[in-house]
All heavy atoms as atom14 arrays in JSON, in Angstrom:
{
  "sequence": "VGESGCGKSVTALSVMRLIPSPPGKIESGKIVFSDRDLLTL",
  "atom14_mask": [
    [1, 1, 1, 1, 1, 1, 1, 0, 0, 0, 0, 0, 0, 0],
    [1, 1, 1, 1, 0, 0, 0, 0, 0, 0, 0, 0, 0, 0],
    [1, 1, 1, 1, 1, 1, 1, 1, 1, 0, 0, 0, 0, 0],
    [1, 1, 1, 1, 1, 1, 0, 0, 0, 0, 0, 0, 0, 0],
    [1, 1, 1, 1, 0, 0, 0, 0, 0, 0, 0, 0, 0, 0],
    [1, 1, 1, 1, 1, 1, 0, 0, 0, 0, 0, 0, 0, 0],
    [1, 1, 1, 1, 0, 0, 0, 0, 0, 0, 0, 0, 0, 0],
    [1, 1, 1, 1, 1, 1, 1, 1, 1, 0, 0, 0, 0, 0],
    [1, 1, 1, 1, 1, 1, 0, 0, 0, 0, 0, 0, 0, 0],
    [1, 1, 1, 1, 1, 1, 1, 0, 0, 0, 0, 0, 0, 0],
    [1, 1, 1, 1, 1, 1, 1, 0, 0, 0, 0, 0, 0, 0],
    [1, 1, 1, 1, 1, 0, 0, 0, 0, 0, 0, 0, 0, 0],
    [1, 1, 1, 1, 1, 1, 1, 1, 0, 0, 0, 0, 0, 0],
    [1, 1, 1, 1, 1, 1, 0, 0, 0, 0, 0, 0, 0, 0],
    [1, 1, 1, 1, 1, 1, 1, 0, 0, 0, 0, 0, 0, 0],
    [1, 1, 1, 1, 1, 1, 1, 1, 0, 0, 0, 0, 0, 0],
    [1, 1, 1, 1, 1, 1, 1, 1, 1, 1, 1, 0, 0, 0],
    [1, 1, 1, 1, 1, 1, 1, 1, 0, 0, 0, 0, 0, 0],
    [1, 1, 1, 1, 1, 1, 1, 1, 0, 0, 0, 0, 0, 0],
    [1, 1, 1, 1, 1, 1, 1, 0, 0, 0, 0, 0, 0, 0],
    [1, 1, 1, 1, 1, 1, 0, 0, 0, 0, 0, 0, 0, 0],
    [1, 1, 1, 1, 1, 1, 1, 0, 0, 0, 0, 0, 0, 0],
    [1, 1, 1, 1, 1, 1, 1, 0, 0, 0, 0, 0, 0, 0],
    [1, 1, 1, 1, 0, 0, 0, 0, 0, 0, 0, 0, 0, 0],
    [1, 1, 1, 1, 1, 1, 1, 1, 1, 0, 0, 0, 0, 0],
    [1, 1, 1, 1, 1, 1, 1, 1, 0, 0, 0, 0, 0, 0],
    [1, 1, 1, 1, 1, 1, 1, 1, 1, 0, 0, 0, 0, 0],
    [1, 1, 1, 1, 1, 1, 0, 0, 0, 0, 0, 0, 0, 0],
    [1, 1, 1, 1, 0, 0, 0, 0, 0, 0, 0, 0, 0, 0],
    [1, 1, 1, 1, 1, 1, 1, 1, 1, 0, 0, 0, 0, 0],
    [1, 1, 1, 1, 1, 1, 1, 1, 0, 0, 0, 0, 0, 0],
    [1, 1, 1, 1, 1, 1, 1, 0, 0, 0, 0, 0, 0, 0],
    [1, 1, 1, 1, 1, 1, 1, 1, 1, 1, 1, 0, 0, 0],
    [1, 1, 1, 1, 1, 1, 0, 0, 0, 0, 0, 0, 0, 0],
    [1, 1, 1, 1, 1, 1, 1, 1, 0, 0, 0, 0, 0, 0],
    [1, 1, 1, 1, 1, 1, 1, 1, 1, 1, 1, 0, 0, 0],
    [1, 1, 1, 1, 1, 1, 1, 1, 0, 0, 0, 0, 0, 0],
    [1, 1, 1, 1, 1, 1, 1, 1, 0, 0, 0, 0, 0, 0],
    [1, 1, 1, 1, 1, 1, 1, 1, 0, 0, 0, 0, 0, 0],
    [1, 1, 1, 1, 1, 1, 1, 0, 0, 0, 0, 0, 0, 0],
    [1, 1, 1, 1, 1, 1, 1, 1, 0, 0, 0, 0, 0, 0]
  ],
  "atom14_positions": [
    [[-50.49, 6.46, -16.1], [-50.06, 7.58, -16.9], [-51.24, 8.51, -17.33], [-52.46, 8.04, -17.43], [-49.33, 7.26, -18.21], [-48.02, 6.55, -17.87], [-50.13, 6.49, -19.21], [0.0, 0.0, 0.0], [0.0, 0.0, 0.0], [0.0, 0.0, 0.0], [0.0, 0.0, 0.0], [0.0, 0.0, 0.0], [0.0, 0.0, 0.0], [0.0, 0.0, 0.0]],
    [[-50.93, 9.74, -17.64], [-52.0, 10.72, -18.12], [-51.63, 12.12, -17.78], [-50.62, 12.34, -17.01], [0.0, 0.0, 0.0], [0.0, 0.0, 0.0], [0.0, 0.0, 0.0], [0.0, 0.0, 0.0], [0.0, 0.0, 0.0], [0.0, 0.0, 0.0], [0.0, 0.0, 0.0], [0.0, 0.0, 0.0], [0.0, 0.0, 0.0], [0.0, 0.0, 0.0]],
    [[-52.38, 13.05, -18.31], [-52.04, 14.47, -17.97], [-52.33, 14.77, -16.58], [-52.97, 14.08, -15.84], [-53.05, 15.38, -18.89], [-52.67, 15.24, -20.4], [-53.8, 15.95, -21.26], [-54.87, 15.23, -21.51], [-53.47, 17.08, -21.68], [0.0, 0.0, 0.0], [0.0, 0.0, 0.0], [0.0, 0.0, 0.0], [0.0, 0.0, 0.0], [0.0, 0.0, 0.0]],
    [[-51.8, 16.05, -16.19], [-52.16, 16.48, -14.84], [-53.61, 16.71, -14.64], [-54.33, 17.2, -15.62], [-51.38, 17.85, -14.71], [-50.07, 17.72, -14.74], [0.0, 0.0, 0.0], [0.0, 0.0, 0.0], [0.0, 0.0, 0.0], [0.0, 0.0, 0.0], [0.0, 0.0, 0.0], [0.0, 0.0, 0.0], [0.0, 0.0, 0.0], [0.0, 0.0, 0.0]],
    [[-54.14, 16.2, -13.55], [-55.49, 16.45, -13.29], [-56.45, 15.29, -13.71], [-57.64, 15.23, -13.56], [0.0, 0.0, 0.0], [0.0, 0.0, 0.0], [0.0, 0.0, 0.0], [0.0, 0.0, 0.0], [0.0, 0.0, 0.0], [0.0, 0.0, 0.0], [0.0, 0.0, 0.0], [0.0, 0.0, 0.0], [0.0, 0.0, 0.0], [0.0, 0.0, 0.0]],
    [[-55.72, 14.18, -14.05], [-56.53, 13.03, -14.71], [-56.9, 12.08, -13.6], [-57.8, 11.24, -13.72], [-55.87, 12.28, -15.88], [-54.55, 11.32, -15.28], [0.0, 0.0, 0.0], [0.0, 0.0, 0.0], [0.0, 0.0, 0.0], [0.0, 0.0, 0.0], [0.0, 0.0, 0.0], [0.0, 0.0, 0.0], [0.0, 0.0, 0.0], [0.0, 0.0, 0.0]],
    [[-56.47, 12.27, -12.42], [-56.75, 11.31, -11.27], [-55.76, 10.32, -10.73], [-55.99, 9.53, -9.87], [0.0, 0.0, 0.0], [0.0, 0.0, 0.0], [0.0, 0.0, 0.0], [0.0, 0.0, 0.0], [0.0, 0.0, 0.0], [0.0, 0.0, 0.0], [0.0, 0.0, 0.0], [0.0, 0.0, 0.0], [0.0, 0.0, 0.0], [0.0, 0.0, 0.0]],
    [[-54.47, 10.36, -11.38], [-53.37, 9.53, -11.06], [-53.04, 9.52, -9.57], [-53.13, 8.53, -8.83], [-52.14, 9.68, -11.87], [-52.33, 9.78, -13.4], [-51.03, 9.98, -14.09], [-50.27, 11.19, -13.73], [-50.88, 12.38, -14.21], [0.0, 0.0, 0.0], [0.0, 0.0, 0.0], [0.0, 0.0, 0.0], [0.0, 0.0, 0.0], [0.0, 0.0, 0.0]],
    [[-52.66, 10.69, -9.12], [-52.25, 10.95, -7.72], [-53.42, 10.66, -6.83], [-53.18, 10.12, -5.6], [-51.76, 12.26, -7.48], [-50.5, 12.55, -8.23], [0.0, 0.0, 0.0], [0.0, 0.0, 0.0], [0.0, 0.0, 0.0], [0.0, 0.0, 0.0], [0.0, 0.0, 0.0], [0.0, 0.0, 0.0], [0.0, 0.0, 0.0], [0.0, 0.0, 0.0]],
    [[-54.69, 11.0, -7.1], [-55.75, 10.68, -6.19], [-55.91, 9.23, -6.07], [-56.35, 8.72, -4.96], [-57.02, 11.38, -6.75], [-58.23, 11.0, -5.99], [-56.97, 12.94, -6.61], [0.0, 0.0, 0.0], [0.0, 0.0, 0.0], [0.0, 0.0, 0.0], [0.0, 0.0, 0.0], [0.0, 0.0, 0.0], [0.0, 0.0, 0.0], [0.0, 0.0, 0.0]],
    [[-55.72, 8.53, -7.13], [-55.81, 6.97, -7.07], [-54.71, 6.49, -6.06], [-55.12, 5.59, -5.18], [-55.6, 6.4, -8.48], [-56.69, 6.85, -9.3], [-55.7, 4.85, -8.48], [0.0, 0.0, 0.0], [0.0, 0.0, 0.0], [0.0, 0.0, 0.0], [0.0, 0.0, 0.0], [0.0, 0.0, 0.0], [0.0, 0.0, 0.0], [0.0, 0.0, 0.0]],
    [[-53.61, 7.02, -6.03], [-52.44, 6.6, -5.19], [-52.93, 7.0, -3.77], [-52.63, 6.12, -2.87], [-51.1, 7.22, -5.65], [0.0, 0.0, 0.0], [0.0, 0.0, 0.0], [0.0, 0.0, 0.0], [0.0, 0.0, 0.0], [0.0, 0.0, 0.0], [0.0, 0.0, 0.0], [0.0, 0.0, 0.0], [0.0, 0.0, 0.0], [0.0, 0.0, 0.0]],
    [[-53.31, 8.18, -3.62], [-53.6, 8.59, -2.24], [-54.74, 7.77, -1.75], [-54.88, 7.52, -0.44], [-53.97, 10.1, -2.22], [-52.77, 10.99, -2.47], [-53.24, 12.47, -2.65], [-51.69, 10.88, -1.35], [0.0, 0.0, 0.0], [0.0, 0.0, 0.0], [0.0, 0.0, 0.0], [0.0, 0.0, 0.0], [0.0, 0.0, 0.0], [0.0, 0.0, 0.0]],
    [[-55.77, 7.31, -2.57], [-56.84, 6.52, -2.12], [-56.31, 5.13, -1.7], [-56.79, 4.72, -0.64], [-57.79, 6.31, -3.24], [-58.38, 7.5, -3.62], [0.0, 0.0, 0.0], [0.0, 0.0, 0.0], [0.0, 0.0, 0.0], [0.0, 0.0, 0.0], [0.0, 0.0, 0.0], [0.0, 0.0, 0.0], [0.0, 0.0, 0.0], [0.0, 0.0, 0.0]],
    [[-55.42, 4.53, -2.27], [-54.76, 3.39, -2.02], [-54.12, 3.5, -0.61], [-54.19, 2.61, 0.34], [-53.81, 2.86, -2.92], [-52.95, 1.64, -2.42], [-54.41, 2.51, -4.18], [0.0, 0.0, 0.0], [0.0, 0.0, 0.0], [0.0, 0.0, 0.0], [0.0, 0.0, 0.0], [0.0, 0.0, 0.0], [0.0, 0.0, 0.0], [0.0, 0.0, 0.0]],
    [[-53.47, 4.63, -0.31], [-52.8, 4.95, 1.0], [-53.75, 5.39, 2.04], [-53.43, 5.51, 3.18], [-51.78, 5.97, 0.83], [-50.63, 5.45, -0.02], [-49.55, 4.27, 0.57], [-48.51, 5.13, 1.81], [0.0, 0.0, 0.0], [0.0, 0.0, 0.0], [0.0, 0.0, 0.0], [0.0, 0.0, 0.0], [0.0, 0.0, 0.0], [0.0, 0.0, 0.0]],
    [[-55.02, 5.56, 1.67], [-56.05, 6.14, 2.46], [-55.6, 7.58, 3.09], [-55.69, 7.76, 4.31], [-56.49, 5.16, 3.58], [-57.67, 4.48, 3.11], [-58.19, 3.47, 4.24], [-58.38, 4.13, 5.55], [-58.76, 3.25, 6.52], [-58.81, 2.01, 6.52], [-58.88, 3.95, 7.74], [0.0, 0.0, 0.0], [0.0, 0.0, 0.0], [0.0, 0.0, 0.0]],
    [[-55.05, 8.27, 2.25], [-54.56, 9.72, 2.61], [-55.39, 10.82, 1.99], [-54.93, 12.02, 1.87], [-53.17, 9.83, 2.32], [-52.15, 8.99, 3.12], [-50.83, 9.09, 2.51], [-52.2, 9.38, 4.6], [0.0, 0.0, 0.0], [0.0, 0.0, 0.0], [0.0, 0.0, 0.0], [0.0, 0.0, 0.0], [0.0, 0.0, 0.0], [0.0, 0.0, 0.0]],
    [[-56.67, 10.53, 1.53], [-57.5, 11.53, 0.93], [-57.92, 12.5, 2.0], [-58.47, 12.0, 3.08], [-58.73, 10.92, 0.3], [-58.29, 9.93, -0.88], [-59.72, 11.89, -0.24], [-57.67, 10.85, -2.01], [0.0, 0.0, 0.0], [0.0, 0.0, 0.0], [0.0, 0.0, 0.0], [0.0, 0.0, 0.0], [0.0, 0.0, 0.0], [0.0, 0.0, 0.0]],
    [[-57.67, 13.85, 1.89], [-58.14, 14.67, 2.94], [-59.63, 14.82, 2.97], [-60.28, 15.0, 2.03], [-57.56, 16.06, 2.4], [-57.35, 15.96, 0.89], [-57.01, 14.47, 0.76], [0.0, 0.0, 0.0], [0.0, 0.0, 0.0], [0.0, 0.0, 0.0], [0.0, 0.0, 0.0], [0.0, 0.0, 0.0], [0.0, 0.0, 0.0], [0.0, 0.0, 0.0]],
    [[-60.18, 14.5, 4.17], [-61.6, 14.54, 4.31], [-62.09, 15.33, 5.64], [-61.55, 15.13, 6.7], [-61.93, 13.0, 4.65], [-63.44, 12.93, 5.04], [0.0, 0.0, 0.0], [0.0, 0.0, 0.0], [0.0, 0.0, 0.0], [0.0, 0.0, 0.0], [0.0, 0.0, 0.0], [0.0, 0.0, 0.0], [0.0, 0.0, 0.0], [0.0, 0.0, 0.0]],
    [[-62.95, 16.34, 5.38], [-63.4, 16.79, 4.09], [-62.3, 17.55, 3.31], [-61.29, 17.94, 3.93], [-64.63, 17.72, 4.37], [-64.21, 18.24, 5.84], [-63.45, 17.14, 6.38], [0.0, 0.0, 0.0], [0.0, 0.0, 0.0], [0.0, 0.0, 0.0], [0.0, 0.0, 0.0], [0.0, 0.0, 0.0], [0.0, 0.0, 0.0], [0.0, 0.0, 0.0]],
    [[-62.55, 17.77, 1.99], [-63.79, 17.53, 1.19], [-63.63, 16.26, 0.47], [-64.68, 15.95, -0.05], [-63.6, 18.71, 0.27], [-62.05, 18.83, -0.02], [-61.54, 18.58, 1.34], [0.0, 0.0, 0.0], [0.0, 0.0, 0.0], [0.0, 0.0, 0.0], [0.0, 0.0, 0.0], [0.0, 0.0, 0.0], [0.0, 0.0, 0.0], [0.0, 0.0, 0.0]],
    [[-62.58, 15.47, 0.5], [-62.43, 14.3, -0.21], [-63.14, 13.09, 0.5], [-63.3, 13.04, 1.67], [0.0, 0.0, 0.0], [0.0, 0.0, 0.0], [0.0, 0.0, 0.0], [0.0, 0.0, 0.0], [0.0, 0.0, 0.0], [0.0, 0.0, 0.0], [0.0, 0.0, 0.0], [0.0, 0.0, 0.0], [0.0, 0.0, 0.0], [0.0, 0.0, 0.0]],
    [[-63.68, 12.14, -0.32], [-64.31, 10.92, 0.22], [-64.12, 9.74, -0.7], [-64.42, 9.96, -1.97], [-65.71, 11.18, 0.6], [-66.39, 9.99, 1.24], [-67.9, 10.26, 1.46], [-68.59, 9.03, 2.06], [-70.1, 9.26, 2.2], [0.0, 0.0, 0.0], [0.0, 0.0, 0.0], [0.0, 0.0, 0.0], [0.0, 0.0, 0.0], [0.0, 0.0, 0.0]],
    [[-63.67, 8.77, -0.21], [-63.76, 7.41, -1.05], [-65.2, 6.91, -1.12], [-65.69, 6.44, -0.06], [-62.84, 6.35, -0.55], [-61.36, 6.89, -0.63], [-62.97, 5.0, -1.35], [-60.21, 5.93, 0.04], [0.0, 0.0, 0.0], [0.0, 0.0, 0.0], [0.0, 0.0, 0.0], [0.0, 0.0, 0.0], [0.0, 0.0, 0.0], [0.0, 0.0, 0.0]],
    [[-65.92, 7.09, -2.25], [-67.32, 6.79, -2.27], [-67.65, 5.28, -2.32], [-68.57, 4.89, -1.77], [-67.88, 7.54, -3.53], [-67.71, 8.96, -3.4], [-68.62, 9.78, -2.56], [-69.72, 9.18, -2.16], [-68.3, 10.91, -2.18], [0.0, 0.0, 0.0], [0.0, 0.0, 0.0], [0.0, 0.0, 0.0], [0.0, 0.0, 0.0], [0.0, 0.0, 0.0]],
    [[-66.83, 4.63, -3.08], [-67.11, 3.08, -3.28], [-65.97, 2.47, -3.68], [-64.95, 3.07, -4.18], [-68.26, 3.0, -4.23], [-67.94, 3.58, -5.52], [0.0, 0.0, 0.0], [0.0, 0.0, 0.0], [0.0, 0.0, 0.0], [0.0, 0.0, 0.0], [0.0, 0.0, 0.0], [0.0, 0.0, 0.0], [0.0, 0.0, 0.0], [0.0, 0.0, 0.0]],
    [[-65.97, 1.06, -3.71], [-64.92, 0.25, -4.29], [-64.17, -0.64, -3.18], [-64.6, -0.44, -1.94], [0.0, 0.0, 0.0], [0.0, 0.0, 0.0], [0.0, 0.0, 0.0], [0.0, 0.0, 0.0], [0.0, 0.0, 0.0], [0.0, 0.0, 0.0], [0.0, 0.0, 0.0], [0.0, 0.0, 0.0], [0.0, 0.0, 0.0], [0.0, 0.0, 0.0]],
    [[-63.24, -1.4, -3.68], [-62.49, -2.2, -2.6], [-60.99, -1.95, -3.14], [-60.75, -1.81, -4.28], [-62.89, -3.72, -2.84], [-64.19, -4.0, -2.37], [-64.54, -5.45, -2.63], [-63.71, -6.51, -1.89], [-64.07, -7.87, -2.16], [0.0, 0.0, 0.0], [0.0, 0.0, 0.0], [0.0, 0.0, 0.0], [0.0, 0.0, 0.0], [0.0, 0.0, 0.0]],
    [[-60.11, -1.95, -2.05], [-58.72, -2.0, -2.26], [-58.1, -3.08, -1.44], [-57.95, -2.98, -0.19], [-58.13, -0.56, -1.79], [-58.66, 0.62, -2.58], [-56.7, -0.51, -2.01], [-58.36, 2.0, -2.05], [0.0, 0.0, 0.0], [0.0, 0.0, 0.0], [0.0, 0.0, 0.0], [0.0, 0.0, 0.0], [0.0, 0.0, 0.0], [0.0, 0.0, 0.0]],
    [[-57.79, -4.19, -2.16], [-57.4, -5.44, -1.43], [-55.86, -5.46, -1.72], [-55.36, -5.52, -2.72], [-58.02, -6.6, -2.13], [-57.57, -7.94, -1.35], [-59.56, -6.52, -1.91], [0.0, 0.0, 0.0], [0.0, 0.0, 0.0], [0.0, 0.0, 0.0], [0.0, 0.0, 0.0], [0.0, 0.0, 0.0], [0.0, 0.0, 0.0], [0.0, 0.0, 0.0]],
    [[-55.31, -5.58, -0.43], [-53.76, -5.71, -0.45], [-53.44, -6.86, 0.38], [-53.81, -6.85, 1.59], [-53.06, -4.32, 0.1], [-51.63, -4.49, 0.32], [-50.89, -4.34, -0.87], [-51.06, -4.65, 1.56], [-49.44, -4.38, -0.69], [-49.62, -4.82, 1.61], [-48.78, -4.57, 0.44], [0.0, 0.0, 0.0], [0.0, 0.0, 0.0], [0.0, 0.0, 0.0]],
    [[-52.72, -7.93, -0.17], [-52.33, -9.04, 0.48], [-53.58, -9.69, 1.27], [-53.57, -9.9, 2.59], [-51.24, -8.85, 1.52], [-50.02, -8.5, 0.86], [0.0, 0.0, 0.0], [0.0, 0.0, 0.0], [0.0, 0.0, 0.0], [0.0, 0.0, 0.0], [0.0, 0.0, 0.0], [0.0, 0.0, 0.0], [0.0, 0.0, 0.0], [0.0, 0.0, 0.0]],
    [[-54.69, -9.82, 0.56], [-55.91, -10.43, 1.1], [-56.61, -9.48, 2.29], [-57.57, -10.0, 2.86], [-55.64, -11.67, 1.63], [-55.06, -12.73, 0.68], [-55.52, -12.52, -0.54], [-54.26, -13.48, 0.96], [0.0, 0.0, 0.0], [0.0, 0.0, 0.0], [0.0, 0.0, 0.0], [0.0, 0.0, 0.0], [0.0, 0.0, 0.0], [0.0, 0.0, 0.0]],
    [[-56.26, -8.25, 2.39], [-56.9, -7.36, 3.25], [-57.58, -6.16, 2.49], [-56.81, -5.63, 1.77], [-55.93, -6.92, 4.32], [-55.4, -7.91, 5.3], [-54.35, -7.23, 6.2], [-53.31, -6.87, 5.39], [-52.23, -6.17, 5.97], [-52.2, -5.76, 7.21], [-51.19, -5.86, 5.31], [0.0, 0.0, 0.0], [0.0, 0.0, 0.0], [0.0, 0.0, 0.0]],
    [[-58.86, -5.89, 2.78], [-59.39, -4.74, 2.1], [-59.1, -3.51, 3.07], [-59.46, -3.41, 4.12], [-60.92, -4.86, 2.15], [-61.66, -3.67, 1.33], [-60.93, -2.85, 1.02], [-62.82, -3.88, 1.05], [0.0, 0.0, 0.0], [0.0, 0.0, 0.0], [0.0, 0.0, 0.0], [0.0, 0.0, 0.0], [0.0, 0.0, 0.0], [0.0, 0.0, 0.0]],
    [[-58.18, -2.67, 2.43], [-57.65, -1.46, 3.18], [-58.74, -0.56, 3.62], [-58.61, 0.14, 4.61], [-56.56, -0.8, 2.3], [-55.43, -1.57, 1.95], [-54.43, -0.71, 1.16], [-54.75, -2.26, 3.14], [0.0, 0.0, 0.0], [0.0, 0.0, 0.0], [0.0, 0.0, 0.0], [0.0, 0.0, 0.0], [0.0, 0.0, 0.0], [0.0, 0.0, 0.0]],
    [[-59.83, -0.54, 2.91], [-60.97, 0.46, 3.14], [-61.68, 0.01, 4.44], [-62.52, 0.74, 5.01], [-61.93, 0.53, 2.04], [-61.21, 1.11, 0.74], [-62.35, 1.31, -0.3], [-60.68, 2.39, 1.0], [0.0, 0.0, 0.0], [0.0, 0.0, 0.0], [0.0, 0.0, 0.0], [0.0, 0.0, 0.0], [0.0, 0.0, 0.0], [0.0, 0.0, 0.0]],
    [[-61.53, -1.28, 4.9], [-62.25, -1.75, 6.12], [-61.32, -1.68, 7.36], [-61.84, -2.03, 8.46], [-62.72, -3.18, 5.96], [-61.52, -4.08, 5.72], [-63.6, -3.26, 4.66], [0.0, 0.0, 0.0], [0.0, 0.0, 0.0], [0.0, 0.0, 0.0], [0.0, 0.0, 0.0], [0.0, 0.0, 0.0], [0.0, 0.0, 0.0], [0.0, 0.0, 0.0]],
    [[-60.1, -1.37, 7.19], [-59.06, -1.44, 8.28], [-59.34, -0.23, 9.22], [-59.63, 0.89, 8.69], [-57.72, -1.33, 7.9], [-57.19, -2.56, 7.1], [-55.69, -2.46, 6.83], [-57.43, -3.94, 7.77], [0.0, 0.0, 0.0], [0.0, 0.0, 0.0], [0.0, 0.0, 0.0], [0.0, 0.0, 0.0], [0.0, 0.0, 0.0], [0.0, 0.0, 0.0]]
  ]
}
């Protein structure tokens, strides 16, 4: 939860790896789903 513009939807799109690139970029972190890091797939 949070106000519009707080980063909620960007967090969800990052999990789905649907961030438009450019200009967006997942800079760092891990997203582990069922023992798989989605950022490495």
